[in-house]
């Protein structure tokens, strides 16, 4: 079934471009932009990871649910970067003074990208 014929919206989110794909500076995202006309929401940002160089973007601030393929690329990049033994830490910090059981200041949740952290963990 073609995406334009789908009843539910299809989300495509390109998060990472792994090194070695050889895209040039100034790469245009015309093909991805054309998907918008088919009713597909697209958000992409392309960076050459080996050089740390921005290549291009299309609606980079639009929040979308990641597609399954995106999750695979993200997981592969994370494994390559940090290895399988890496753990993410979420810290709870405070700025201010404790008076008894009351914090007079700010309570800060500092995350490090833990993909398993969700609203249940906040409880």
PDB file of N, CA and C in Angstrom:
ATOM      1  N   UNK A   1       0.847  -1.163   0.000  1.00  0.00           N
ATOM      2  CA  UNK A   1       0.000   0.000   0.000  1.00  0.00           C
ATOM      3  C   UNK A   1       0.901   1.237   0.000  1.00  0.00           C
ATOM      4  N   UNK A   2       0.632   2.191  -0.863  1.00  0.00           N
ATOM      5  CA  UNK A   2       1.419   3.415  -0.926  1.00  0.00           C
ATOM      6  C   UNK A   2       1.103   4.291   0.271  1.00  0.00           C
ATOM      7  N   UNK A   3       2.095   5.049   0.775  1.00  0.00           N
ATOM      8  CA  UNK A   3       1.876   5.888   1.954  1.00  0.00           C
ATOM      9  C   UNK A   3       0.702   6.852   1.813  1.00  0.00           C
ATOM     10  N   UNK A   4       0.442   7.382   0.613  1.00  0.00           N
ATOM     11  CA  UNK A   4      -0.646   8.339   0.440  1.00  0.00           C
ATOM     12  C   UNK A   4      -2.004   7.691   0.687  1.00  0.00           C
ATOM     13  N   UNK A   5      -2.075   6.368   0.532  1.00  0.00           N
ATOM     14  CA  UNK A   5      -3.343   5.671   0.705  1.00  0.00           C
ATOM     15  C   UNK A   5      -3.574   5.200   2.135  1.00  0.00           C
ATOM     16  N   UNK A   6      -2.616   5.418   2.983  1.00  0.00           N
ATOM     17  CA  UNK A   6      -2.749   4.973   4.370  1.00  0.00           C
ATOM     18  C   UNK A   6      -3.738   5.861   5.113  1.00  0.00           C
ATOM     19  N   UNK A   7      -4.492   5.255   6.019  1.00  0.00           N
ATOM     20  CA  UNK A   7      -5.444   6.025   6.810  1.00  0.00           C
ATOM     21  C   UNK A   7      -4.781   6.684   8.009  1.00  0.00           C
ATOM     22  N   UNK A   8      -3.786   6.050   8.570  1.00  0.00           N
ATOM     23  CA  UNK A   8      -3.062   6.622   9.699  1.00  0.00           C
ATOM     24  C   UNK A   8      -1.809   7.313   9.171  1.00  0.00           C
ATOM     25  N   UNK A   9      -1.385   8.388   9.818  1.00  0.00           N
ATOM     26  CA  UNK A   9      -0.166   9.047   9.356  1.00  0.00           C
ATOM     27  C   UNK A   9       1.045   8.150   9.556  1.00  0.00           C
ATOM     28  N   UNK A  10       1.977   8.279   8.649  1.00  0.00           N
ATOM     29  CA  UNK A  10       3.232   7.539   8.720  1.00  0.00           C
ATOM     30  C   UNK A  10       4.312   8.523   9.125  1.00  0.00           C
ATOM     31  N   UNK A  11       5.099   8.183  10.131  1.00  0.00           N
ATOM     32  CA  UNK A  11       6.140   9.087  10.603  1.00  0.00           C
ATOM     33  C   UNK A  11       7.496   8.550  10.194  1.00  0.00           C
ATOM     34  N   UNK A  12       8.309   9.428   9.685  1.00  0.00           N
ATOM     35  CA  UNK A  12       9.675   9.088   9.345  1.00  0.00           C
ATOM     36  C   UNK A  12      10.583  10.052  10.079  1.00  0.00           C
ATOM     37  N   UNK A  13      11.510   9.521  10.813  1.00  0.00           N
ATOM     38  CA  UNK A  13      12.413  10.376  11.565  1.00  0.00           C
ATOM     39  C   UNK A  13      13.831   9.898  11.334  1.00  0.00           C
ATOM     40  N   UNK A  14      14.629  10.695  10.651  1.00  0.00           N
ATOM     41  CA  UNK A  14      16.015  10.352  10.392  1.00  0.00           C
ATOM     42  C   UNK A  14      16.864  11.060  11.430  1.00  0.00           C
ATOM     43  N   UNK A  15      17.463  10.308  12.330  1.00  0.00           N
ATOM     44  CA  UNK A  15      18.208  10.916  13.426  1.00  0.00           C
ATOM     45  C   UNK A  15      19.697  10.988  13.165  1.00  0.00           C
ATOM     46  N   UNK A  16      20.243   9.959  12.602  1.00  0.00           N
ATOM     47  CA  UNK A  16      21.691   9.893  12.453  1.00  0.00           C
ATOM     48  C   UNK A  16      22.056   9.432  11.052  1.00  0.00           C
ATOM     49  N   UNK A  17      23.155   9.960  10.555  1.00  0.00           N
ATOM     50  CA  UNK A  17      23.728   9.441   9.325  1.00  0.00           C
ATOM     51  C   UNK A  17      25.090   8.892   9.703  1.00  0.00           C
ATOM     52  N   UNK A  18      25.243   7.598   9.593  1.00  0.00           N
ATOM     53  CA  UNK A  18      26.491   6.984  10.014  1.00  0.00           C
ATOM     54  C   UNK A  18      27.616   7.392   9.076  1.00  0.00           C
ATOM     55  N   UNK A  19      28.845   7.477   9.600  1.00  0.00           N
ATOM     56  CA  UNK A  19      29.969   7.918   8.780  1.00  0.00           C
ATOM     57  C   UNK A  19      30.184   6.994   7.588  1.00  0.00           C
ATOM     58  N   UNK A  20      30.765   7.549   6.562  1.00  0.00           N
ATOM     59  CA  UNK A  20      31.147   6.742   5.414  1.00  0.00           C
ATOM     60  C   UNK A  20      30.129   6.697   4.295  1.00  0.00           C
ATOM     61  N   UNK A  21      29.029   7.430   4.396  1.00  0.00           N
ATOM     62  CA  UNK A  21      28.043   7.394   3.326  1.00  0.00           C
ATOM     63  C   UNK A  21      28.355   8.398   2.222  1.00  0.00           C
ATOM     64  N   UNK A  22      29.343   9.254   2.437  1.00  0.00           N
ATOM     65  CA  UNK A  22      29.868  10.093   1.378  1.00  0.00           C
ATOM     66  C   UNK A  22      28.953  11.189   0.872  1.00  0.00           C
ATOM     67  N   UNK A  23      28.128  11.773   1.698  1.00  0.00           N
ATOM     68  CA  UNK A  23      27.292  12.875   1.251  1.00  0.00           C
ATOM     69  C   UNK A  23      28.081  14.177   1.313  1.00  0.00           C
ATOM     70  N   UNK A  24      27.861  15.024   0.352  1.00  0.00           N
ATOM     71  CA  UNK A  24      28.612  16.278   0.269  1.00  0.00           C
ATOM     72  C   UNK A  24      27.964  17.362   1.115  1.00  0.00           C
ATOM     73  N   UNK A  25      28.764  18.364   1.472  1.00  0.00           N
ATOM     74  CA  UNK A  25      28.238  19.534   2.181  1.00  0.00           C
ATOM     75  C   UNK A  25      27.145  20.170   1.321  1.00  0.00           C
ATOM     76  N   UNK A  26      26.099  20.671   1.943  1.00  0.00           N
ATOM     77  CA  UNK A  26      25.022  21.313   1.206  1.00  0.00           C
ATOM     78  C   UNK A  26      24.004  20.323   0.660  1.00  0.00           C
ATOM     79  N   UNK A  27      24.050  19.085   1.096  1.00  0.00           N
ATOM     80  CA  UNK A  27      23.115  18.054   0.652  1.00  0.00           C
ATOM     81  C   UNK A  27      21.687  18.543   0.812  1.00  0.00           C
ATOM     82  N   UNK A  28      20.872  18.377  -0.207  1.00  0.00           N
ATOM     83  CA  UNK A  28      19.487  18.832  -0.142  1.00  0.00           C
ATOM     84  C   UNK A  28      18.568  17.648   0.120  1.00  0.00           C
ATOM     85  N   UNK A  29      17.495  17.909   0.823  1.00  0.00           N
ATOM     86  CA  UNK A  29      16.571  16.856   1.219  1.00  0.00           C
ATOM     87  C   UNK A  29      15.286  16.909   0.393  1.00  0.00           C
ATOM     88  N   UNK A  30      15.424  17.112  -0.912  1.00  0.00           N
ATOM     89  CA  UNK A  30      14.252  17.251  -1.787  1.00  0.00           C
ATOM     90  C   UNK A  30      13.374  16.010  -1.780  1.00  0.00           C
ATOM     91  N   UNK A  31      13.990  14.829  -1.790  1.00  0.00           N
ATOM     92  CA  UNK A  31      13.198  13.589  -1.811  1.00  0.00           C
ATOM     93  C   UNK A  31      12.373  13.433  -0.545  1.00  0.00           C
ATOM     94  N   UNK A  32      12.986  13.776   0.600  1.00  0.00           N
ATOM     95  CA  UNK A  32      12.239  13.696   1.854  1.00  0.00           C
ATOM     96  C   UNK A  32      11.155  14.770   1.901  1.00  0.00           C
ATOM     97  N   UNK A  33      11.463  15.961   1.415  1.00  0.00           N
ATOM     98  CA  UNK A  33      10.475  17.051   1.402  1.00  0.00           C
ATOM     99  C   UNK A  33       9.291  16.684   0.522  1.00  0.00           C
ATOM    100  N   UNK A  34       9.531  15.938  -0.545  1.00  0.00           N
ATOM    101  CA  UNK A  34       8.451  15.531  -1.444  1.00  0.00           C
ATOM    102  C   UNK A  34       7.465  14.587  -0.759  1.00  0.00           C
ATOM    103  N   UNK A  35       7.902  13.883   0.276  1.00  0.00           N
ATOM    104  CA  UNK A  35       7.006  12.979   1.002  1.00  0.00           C
ATOM    105  C   UNK A  35       5.882  13.730   1.700  1.00  0.00           C
ATOM    106  N   UNK A  36       6.137  14.998   2.060  1.00  0.00           N
ATOM    107  CA  UNK A  36       5.117  15.811   2.739  1.00  0.00           C
ATOM    108  C   UNK A  36       3.849  15.887   1.884  1.00  0.00           C
ATOM    109  N   UNK A  37       4.010  15.979   0.561  1.00  0.00           N
ATOM    110  CA  UNK A  37       2.870  16.018  -0.355  1.00  0.00           C
ATOM    111  C   UNK A  37       2.079  14.724  -0.383  1.00  0.00           C
ATOM    112  N   UNK A  38       2.659  13.652   0.140  1.00  0.00           N
ATOM    113  CA  UNK A  38       1.976  12.360   0.202  1.00  0.00           C
ATOM    114  C   UNK A  38       1.360  12.114   1.581  1.00  0.00           C
ATOM    115  N   UNK A  39       1.369  13.162   2.429  1.00  0.00           N
ATOM    116  CA  UNK A  39       0.783  13.033   3.753  1.00  0.00           C
ATOM    117  C   UNK A  39       1.710  12.423   4.788  1.00  0.00           C
ATOM    118  N   UNK A  40       3.002  12.443   4.518  1.00  0.00           N
ATOM    119  CA  UNK A  40       3.976  11.851   5.431  1.00  0.00           C
ATOM    120  C   UNK A  40       4.722  12.971   6.143  1.00  0.00           C
ATOM    121  N   UNK A  41       4.761  12.904   7.463  1.00  0.00           N
ATOM    122  CA  UNK A  41       5.513  13.880   8.238  1.00  0.00           C
ATOM    123  C   UNK A  41       6.978  13.451   8.284  1.00  0.00           C
ATOM    124  N   UNK A  42       7.875  14.395   8.036  1.00  0.00           N
ATOM    125  CA  UNK A  42       9.295  14.099   7.978  1.00  0.00           C
ATOM    126  C   UNK A  42      10.064  15.091   8.830  1.00  0.00           C
ATOM    127  N   UNK A  43      10.995  14.576   9.603  1.00  0.00           N
ATOM    128  CA  UNK A  43      11.920  15.393  10.366  1.00  0.00           C
ATOM    129  C   UNK A  43      13.291  14.764  10.213  1.00  0.00           C
ATOM    130  N   UNK A  44      14.265  15.544   9.752  1.00  0.00           N
ATOM    131  CA  UNK A  44      15.586  14.976   9.506  1.00  0.00           C
ATOM    132  C   UNK A  44      16.670  15.988   9.814  1.00  0.00           C
ATOM    133  N   UNK A  45      17.771  15.494  10.315  1.00  0.00           N
ATOM    134  CA  UNK A  45      18.976  16.298  10.470  1.00  0.00           C
ATOM    135  C   UNK A  45      20.144  15.378  10.167  1.00  0.00           C
ATOM    136  N   UNK A  46      20.993  15.789   9.239  1.00  0.00           N
ATOM    137  CA  UNK A  46      22.087  14.951   8.791  1.00  0.00           C
ATOM    138  C   UNK A  46      23.402  15.594   9.196  1.00  0.00           C
ATOM    139  N   UNK A  47      24.235  14.785   9.866  1.00  0.00           N
ATOM    140  CA  UNK A  47      25.539  15.241  10.334  1.00  0.00           C
ATOM    141  C   UNK A  47      26.564  14.184   9.956  1.00  0.00           C
ATOM    142  N   UNK A  48      27.701  14.614   9.422  1.00  0.00           N
ATOM    143  CA  UNK A  48      28.818  13.712   9.172  1.00  0.00           C
ATOM    144  C   UNK A  48      29.474  13.480  10.529  1.00  0.00           C
ATOM    145  N   UNK A  49      29.270  12.313  11.114  1.00  0.00           N
ATOM    146  CA  UNK A  49      29.740  12.044  12.472  1.00  0.00           C
ATOM    147  C   UNK A  49      31.257  11.970  12.565  1.00  0.00           C
ATOM    148  N   UNK A  50      31.906  11.497  11.520  1.00  0.00           N
ATOM    149  CA  UNK A  50      33.364  11.389  11.591  1.00  0.00           C
ATOM    150  C   UNK A  50      34.039  12.753  11.554  1.00  0.00           C
ATOM    151  N   UNK A  51      33.390  13.755  10.949  1.00  0.00           N
ATOM    152  CA  UNK A  51      33.956  15.096  10.871  1.00  0.00           C
ATOM    153  C   UNK A  51      33.223  16.088  11.764  1.00  0.00           C
ATOM    154  N   UNK A  52      32.087  15.679  12.345  1.00  0.00           N
ATOM    155  CA  UNK A  52      31.292  16.580  13.169  1.00  0.00           C
ATOM    156  C   UNK A  52      30.759  17.753  12.372  1.00  0.00           C
ATOM    157  N   UNK A  53      30.419  17.510  11.105  1.00  0.00           N
ATOM    158  CA  UNK A  53      30.022  18.583  10.196  1.00  0.00           C
ATOM    159  C   UNK A  53      28.536  18.452   9.846  1.00  0.00           C
ATOM    160  N   UNK A  54      27.796  19.556   9.996  1.00  0.00           N
ATOM    161  CA  UNK A  54      26.386  19.622   9.628  1.00  0.00           C
ATOM    162  C   UNK A  54      26.260  19.524   8.112  1.00  0.00           C
ATOM    163  N   UNK A  55      25.325  18.707   7.639  1.00  0.00           N
ATOM    164  CA  UNK A  55      25.130  18.544   6.199  1.00  0.00           C
ATOM    165  C   UNK A  55      23.807  19.136   5.751  1.00  0.00           C
ATOM    166  N   UNK A  56      22.723  18.851   6.458  1.00  0.00           N
ATOM    167  CA  UNK A  56      21.429  19.388   6.054  1.00  0.00           C
ATOM    168  C   UNK A  56      20.350  19.048   7.064  1.00  0.00           C
ATOM    169  N   UNK A  57      19.197  19.713   6.922  1.00  0.00           N
ATOM    170  CA  UNK A  57      18.091  19.464   7.846  1.00  0.00           C
ATOM    171  C   UNK A  57      16.770  19.765   7.153  1.00  0.00           C
ATOM    172  N   UNK A  58      15.717  19.109   7.621  1.00  0.00           N
ATOM    173  CA  UNK A  58      14.358  19.345   7.151  1.00  0.00           C
ATOM    174  C   UNK A  58      13.445  19.229   8.366  1.00  0.00           C
ATOM    175  N   UNK A  59      12.832  20.320   8.770  1.00  0.00           N
ATOM    176  CA  UNK A  59      11.948  20.349   9.940  1.00  0.00           C
ATOM    177  C   UNK A  59      12.609  19.704  11.164  1.00  0.00           C
ATOM    178  N   UNK A  60      13.843  20.089  11.506  1.00  0.00           N
ATOM    179  CA  UNK A  60      14.552  19.385  12.585  1.00  0.00           C
ATOM    180  C   UNK A  60      13.919  19.541  13.959  1.00  0.00           C
ATOM    181  N   UNK A  61      13.094  20.553  14.174  1.00  0.00           N
ATOM    182  CA  UNK A  61      12.468  20.756  15.482  1.00  0.00           C
ATOM    183  C   UNK A  61      11.113  20.082  15.600  1.00  0.00           C
ATOM    184  N   UNK A  62      10.626  19.459  14.522  1.00  0.00           N
ATOM    185  CA  UNK A  62       9.341  18.764  14.561  1.00  0.00           C
ATOM    186  C   UNK A  62       9.526  17.425  15.267  1.00  0.00           C
ATOM    187  N   UNK A  63       8.768  17.210  16.343  1.00  0.00           N
ATOM    188  CA  UNK A  63       8.874  15.970  17.114  1.00  0.00           C
ATOM    189  C   UNK A  63       7.987  14.901  16.496  1.00  0.00           C
ATOM    190  N   UNK A  64       8.580  13.744  16.226  1.00  0.00           N
ATOM    191  CA  UNK A  64       7.863  12.618  15.637  1.00  0.00           C
ATOM    192  C   UNK A  64       8.205  11.343  16.393  1.00  0.00           C
ATOM    193  N   UNK A  65       7.345  10.361  16.274  1.00  0.00           N
ATOM    194  CA  UNK A  65       7.657   9.040  16.820  1.00  0.00           C
ATOM    195  C   UNK A  65       8.665   8.387  15.880  1.00  0.00           C
ATOM    196  N   UNK A  66       9.765   7.865  16.409  1.00  0.00           N
ATOM    197  CA  UNK A  66      10.761   7.262  15.520  1.00  0.00           C
ATOM    198  C   UNK A  66      10.254   5.987  14.865  1.00  0.00           C
ATOM    199  N   UNK A  67      10.586   5.826  13.604  1.00  0.00           N
ATOM    200  CA  UNK A  67      10.251   4.603  12.877  1.00  0.00           C
ATOM    201  C   UNK A  67      11.175   3.484  13.343  1.00  0.00           C
ATOM    202  N   UNK A  68      10.781   2.246  13.109  1.00  0.00           N
ATOM    203  CA  UNK A  68      11.568   1.100  13.563  1.00  0.00           C
ATOM    204  C   UNK A  68      12.976   1.110  12.987  1.00  0.00           C
ATOM    205  N   UNK A  69      13.118   1.490  11.720  1.00  0.00           N
ATOM    206  CA  UNK A  69      14.440   1.531  11.099  1.00  0.00           C
ATOM    207  C   UNK A  69      15.309   2.562  11.803  1.00  0.00           C
ATOM    208  N   UNK A  70      14.733   3.685  12.193  1.00  0.00           N
ATOM    209  CA  UNK A  70      15.485   4.715  12.905  1.00  0.00           C
ATOM    210  C   UNK A  70      16.013   4.164  14.219  1.00  0.00           C
ATOM    211  N   UNK A  71      15.196   3.378  14.907  1.00  0.00           N
ATOM    212  CA  UNK A  71      15.631   2.790  16.174  1.00  0.00           C
ATOM    213  C   UNK A  71      16.828   1.870  15.960  1.00  0.00           C
ATOM    214  N   UNK A  72      16.845   1.142  14.857  1.00  0.00           N
ATOM    215  CA  UNK A  72      17.964   0.249  14.569  1.00  0.00           C
ATOM    216  C   UNK A  72      19.247   1.041  14.328  1.00  0.00           C
ATOM    217  N   UNK A  73      19.170   2.103  13.535  1.00  0.00           N
ATOM    218  CA  UNK A  73      20.346   2.935  13.271  1.00  0.00           C
ATOM    219  C   UNK A  73      20.833   3.607  14.555  1.00  0.00           C
ATOM    220  N   UNK A  74      19.894   4.074  15.360  1.00  0.00           N
ATOM    221  CA  UNK A  74      20.269   4.727  16.611  1.00  0.00           C
ATOM    222  C   UNK A  74      20.945   3.734  17.552  1.00  0.00           C
ATOM    223  N   UNK A  75      20.387   2.531  17.663  1.00  0.00           N
ATOM    224  CA  UNK A  75      20.984   1.508  18.518  1.00  0.00           C
ATOM    225  C   UNK A  75      22.374   1.121  18.012  1.00  0.00           C
ATOM    226  N   UNK A  76      22.538   0.971  16.698  1.00  0.00           N
ATOM    227  CA  UNK A  76      23.840   0.617  16.137  1.00  0.00           C
ATOM    228  C   UNK A  76      24.865   1.717  16.407  1.00  0.00           C
ATOM    229  N   UNK A  77      24.453   2.973  16.253  1.00  0.00           N
ATOM    230  CA  UNK A  77      25.367   4.092  16.518  1.00  0.00           C
ATOM    231  C   UNK A  77      25.750   4.149  17.999  1.00  0.00           C
ATOM    232  N   UNK A  78      24.783   3.898  18.881  1.00  0.00           N
ATOM    233  CA  UNK A  78      25.054   3.909  20.318  1.00  0.00           C
ATOM    234  C   UNK A  78      26.016   2.777  20.693  1.00  0.00           C
ATOM    235  N   UNK A  79      25.805   1.595  20.123  1.00  0.00           N
ATOM    236  CA  UNK A  79      26.717   0.477  20.397  1.00  0.00           C
ATOM    237  C   UNK A  79      28.121   0.768  19.886  1.00  0.00           C
ATOM    238  N   UNK A  80      28.200   1.381  18.713  1.00  0.00           N
ATOM    239  CA  UNK A  80      29.510   1.727  18.156  1.00  0.00           C
ATOM    240  C   UNK A  80      30.199   2.783  19.019  1.00  0.00           C
ATOM    241  N   UNK A  81      29.436   3.761  19.481  1.00  0.00           N
ATOM    242  CA  UNK A  81      30.009   4.861  20.266  1.00  0.00           C
ATOM    243  C   UNK A  81      30.393   4.438  21.679  1.00  0.00           C
ATOM    244  N   UNK A  82      29.493   3.721  22.384  1.00  0.00           N
ATOM    245  CA  UNK A  82      29.685   3.456  23.808  1.00  0.00           C
ATOM    246  C   UNK A  82      29.922   1.987  24.154  1.00  0.00           C
ATOM    247  N   UNK A  83      29.561   1.065  23.284  1.00  0.00           N
ATOM    248  CA  UNK A  83      29.701  -0.359  23.586  1.00  0.00           C
ATOM    249  C   UNK A  83      28.500  -0.895  24.348  1.00  0.00           C
ATOM    250  N   UNK A  84      28.410  -2.213  24.412  1.00  0.00           N
ATOM    251  CA  UNK A  84      27.243  -2.869  25.002  1.00  0.00           C
ATOM    252  C   UNK A  84      27.171  -2.744  26.517  1.00  0.00           C
ATOM    253  N   UNK A  85      28.289  -2.478  27.176  1.00  0.00           N
ATOM    254  CA  UNK A  85      28.304  -2.404  28.637  1.00  0.00           C
ATOM    255  C   UNK A  85      27.937  -1.013  29.174  1.00  0.00           C
ATOM    256  N   UNK A  86      27.752  -0.043  28.282  1.00  0.00           N
ATOM    257  CA  UNK A  86      27.465   1.328  28.724  1.00  0.00           C
ATOM    258  C   UNK A  86      26.109   1.405  29.431  1.00  0.00           C
ATOM    259  N   UNK A  87      26.068   2.154  30.510  1.00  0.00           N
ATOM    260  CA  UNK A  87      24.795   2.427  31.176  1.00  0.00           C
ATOM    261  C   UNK A  87      24.573   3.934  31.225  1.00  0.00           C
ATOM    262  N   UNK A  88      23.335   4.334  31.121  1.00  0.00           N
ATOM    263  CA  UNK A  88      22.961   5.734  31.208  1.00  0.00           C
ATOM    264  C   UNK A  88      22.574   6.035  32.649  1.00  0.00           C
ATOM    265  N   UNK A  89      22.924   7.204  33.117  1.00  0.00           N
ATOM    266  CA  UNK A  89      22.587   7.590  34.478  1.00  0.00           C
ATOM    267  C   UNK A  89      21.665   8.801  34.451  1.00  0.00           C
ATOM    268  N   UNK A  90      20.619   8.727  35.236  1.00  0.00           N
ATOM    269  CA  UNK A  90      19.724   9.865  35.430  1.00  0.00           C
ATOM    270  C   UNK A  90      19.907  10.310  36.865  1.00  0.00           C
ATOM    271  N   UNK A  91      20.249  11.584  37.042  1.00  0.00           N
ATOM    272  CA  UNK A  91      20.536  12.091  38.383  1.00  0.00           C
ATOM    273  C   UNK A  91      19.459  13.078  38.817  1.00  0.00           C
ATOM    274  N   UNK A  92      19.188  13.088  40.108  1.00  0.00           N
ATOM    275  CA  UNK A  92      18.270  14.031  40.723  1.00  0.00           C
ATOM    276  C   UNK A  92      19.112  14.990  41.558  1.00  0.00           C
ATOM    277  N   UNK A  93      19.070  16.272  41.211  1.00  0.00           N
ATOM    278  CA  UNK A  93      19.884  17.287  41.858  1.00  0.00           C
ATOM    279  C   UNK A  93      18.986  18.344  42.488  1.00  0.00           C
ATOM    280  N   UNK A  94      19.579  19.146  43.357  1.00  0.00           N
ATOM    281  CA  UNK A  94      18.823  20.254  43.943  1.00  0.00           C
ATOM    282  C   UNK A  94      19.694  21.500  43.943  1.00  0.00           C
ATOM    283  N   UNK A  95      19.024  22.614  43.872  1.00  0.00           N
ATOM    284  CA  UNK A  95      19.692  23.909  43.960  1.00  0.00           C
ATOM    285  C   UNK A  95      18.871  24.728  44.948  1.00  0.00           C
ATOM    286  N   UNK A  96      19.426  24.983  46.088  1.00  0.00           N
ATOM    287  CA  UNK A  96      18.692  25.697  47.133  1.00  0.00           C
ATOM    288  C   UNK A  96      18.997  25.084  48.487  1.00  0.00           C
ATOM    289  N   UNK A  97      18.139  25.378  49.438  1.00  0.00           N
ATOM    290  CA  UNK A  97      18.334  24.891  50.813  1.00  0.00           C
ATOM    291  C   UNK A  97      17.190  23.975  51.233  1.00  0.00           C
ATOM    292  N   UNK A  98      17.560  22.981  52.028  1.00  0.00           N
ATOM    293  CA  UNK A  98      16.563  22.120  52.653  1.00  0.00           C
ATOM    294  C   UNK A  98      16.234  22.700  54.023  1.00  0.00           C
ATOM    295  N   UNK A  99      14.969  22.896  54.281  1.00  0.00           N
ATOM    296  CA  UNK A  99      14.490  23.309  55.604  1.00  0.00           C
ATOM    297  C   UNK A  99      13.546  22.211  56.072  1.00  0.00           C
ATOM    298  N   UNK A 100      14.075  21.344  56.893  1.00  0.00           N
ATOM    299  CA  UNK A 100      13.291  20.172  57.283  1.00  0.00           C
ATOM    300  C   UNK A 100      13.154  19.258  56.078  1.00  0.00           C
ATOM    301  N   UNK A 101      11.915  18.961  55.710  1.00  0.00           N
ATOM    302  CA  UNK A 101      11.643  18.121  54.543  1.00  0.00           C
ATOM    303  C   UNK A 101      11.302  18.940  53.307  1.00  0.00           C
ATOM    304  N   UNK A 102      11.477  20.250  53.368  1.00  0.00           N
ATOM    305  CA  UNK A 102      11.071  21.130  52.274  1.00  0.00           C
ATOM    306  C   UNK A 102      12.288  21.735  51.588  1.00  0.00           C
ATOM    307  N   UNK A 103      12.319  21.613  50.276  1.00  0.00           N
ATOM    308  CA  UNK A 103      13.376  22.227  49.482  1.00  0.00           C
ATOM    309  C   UNK A 103      12.935  23.631  49.096  1.00  0.00           C
ATOM    310  N   UNK A 104      13.719  24.597  49.451  1.00  0.00           N
ATOM    311  CA  UNK A 104      13.465  25.969  49.031  1.00  0.00           C
ATOM    312  C   UNK A 104      14.432  26.260  47.892  1.00  0.00           C
ATOM    313  N   UNK A 105      14.007  25.933  46.704  1.00  0.00           N
ATOM    314  CA  UNK A 105      14.862  26.077  45.527  1.00  0.00           C
ATOM    315  C   UNK A 105      14.336  25.217  44.397  1.00  0.00           C
ATOM    316  N   UNK A 106      15.252  24.715  43.597  1.00  0.00           N
ATOM    317  CA  UNK A 106      14.890  23.951  42.405  1.00  0.00           C
ATOM    318  C   UNK A 106      15.276  22.489  42.548  1.00  0.00           C
ATOM    319  N   UNK A 107      14.401  21.611  42.059  1.00  0.00           N
ATOM    320  CA  UNK A 107      14.674  20.186  41.963  1.00  0.00           C
ATOM    321  C   UNK A 107      14.954  19.921  40.482  1.00  0.00           C
ATOM    322  N   UNK A 108      16.096  19.322  40.183  1.00  0.00           N
ATOM    323  CA  UNK A 108      16.555  19.184  38.797  1.00  0.00           C
ATOM    324  C   UNK A 108      16.717  17.714  38.450  1.00  0.00           C
ATOM    325  N   UNK A 109      16.102  17.291  37.359  1.00  0.00           N
ATOM    326  CA  UNK A 109      16.271  15.941  36.828  1.00  0.00           C
ATOM    327  C   UNK A 109      17.244  16.057  35.663  1.00  0.00           C
ATOM    328  N   UNK A 110      18.427  15.470  35.810  1.00  0.00           N
ATOM    329  CA  UNK A 110      19.470  15.561  34.797  1.00  0.00           C
ATOM    330  C   UNK A 110      19.623  14.206  34.129  1.00  0.00           C
ATOM    331  N   UNK A 111      19.141  14.113  32.892  1.00  0.00           N
ATOM    332  CA  UNK A 111      19.212  12.863  32.157  1.00  0.00           C
ATOM    333  C   UNK A 111      20.437  12.820  31.259  1.00  0.00           C
ATOM    334  N   UNK A 112      20.808  11.608  30.862  1.00  0.00           N
ATOM    335  CA  UNK A 112      21.952  11.444  29.971  1.00  0.00           C
ATOM    336  C   UNK A 112      21.570  10.654  28.722  1.00  0.00           C
ATOM    337  N   UNK A 113      20.276  10.623  28.421  1.00  0.00           N
ATOM    338  CA  UNK A 113      19.830   9.951  27.208  1.00  0.00           C
ATOM    339  C   UNK A 113      19.331   8.536  27.403  1.00  0.00           C
ATOM    340  N   UNK A 114      18.974   8.158  28.619  1.00  0.00           N
ATOM    341  CA  UNK A 114      18.500   6.802  28.901  1.00  0.00           C
ATOM    342  C   UNK A 114      17.216   6.527  28.115  1.00  0.00           C
ATOM    343  N   UNK A 115      17.270   5.633  27.122  1.00  0.00           N
ATOM    344  CA  UNK A 115      16.079   5.364  26.309  1.00  0.00           C
ATOM    345  C   UNK A 115      14.997   4.587  27.047  1.00  0.00           C
ATOM    346  N   UNK A 116      15.337   4.014  28.209  1.00  0.00           N
ATOM    347  CA  UNK A 116      14.342   3.239  28.949  1.00  0.00           C
ATOM    348  C   UNK A 116      13.651   4.062  30.023  1.00  0.00           C
ATOM    349  N   UNK A 117      14.121   5.277  30.273  1.00  0.00           N
ATOM    350  CA  UNK A 117      13.521   6.121  31.308  1.00  0.00           C
ATOM    351  C   UNK A 117      12.171   6.642  30.831  1.00  0.00           C
ATOM    352  N   UNK A 118      11.137   6.422  31.621  1.00  0.00           N
ATOM    353  CA  UNK A 118       9.806   6.893  31.222  1.00  0.00           C
ATOM    354  C   UNK A 118       9.060   7.466  32.437  1.00  0.00           C
ATOM    355  N   UNK A 119       7.798   7.822  32.234  1.00  0.00           N
ATOM    356  CA  UNK A 119       7.025   8.473  33.296  1.00  0.00           C
ATOM    357  C   UNK A 119       6.842   7.564  34.519  1.00  0.00           C
ATOM    358  N   UNK A 120       6.854   6.241  34.329  1.00  0.00           N
ATOM    359  CA  UNK A 120       6.739   5.337  35.477  1.00  0.00           C
ATOM    360  C   UNK A 120       7.960   5.455  36.401  1.00  0.00           C
ATOM    361  N   UNK A 121       9.127   5.724  35.806  1.00  0.00           N
ATOM    362  CA  UNK A 121      10.340   5.892  36.603  1.00  0.00           C
ATOM    363  C   UNK A 121      10.271   7.134  37.477  1.00  0.00           C
ATOM    364  N   UNK A 122       9.516   8.138  37.071  1.00  0.00           N
ATOM    365  CA  UNK A 122       9.388   9.357  37.855  1.00  0.00           C
ATOM    366  C   UNK A 122       8.664   9.104  39.186  1.00  0.00           C
ATOM    367  N   UNK A 123       7.748   8.139  39.159  1.00  0.00           N
ATOM    368  CA  UNK A 123       7.006   7.811  40.370  1.00  0.00           C
ATOM    369  C   UNK A 123       7.942   7.231  41.404  1.00  0.00           C
TER     370      UNK A 123
END
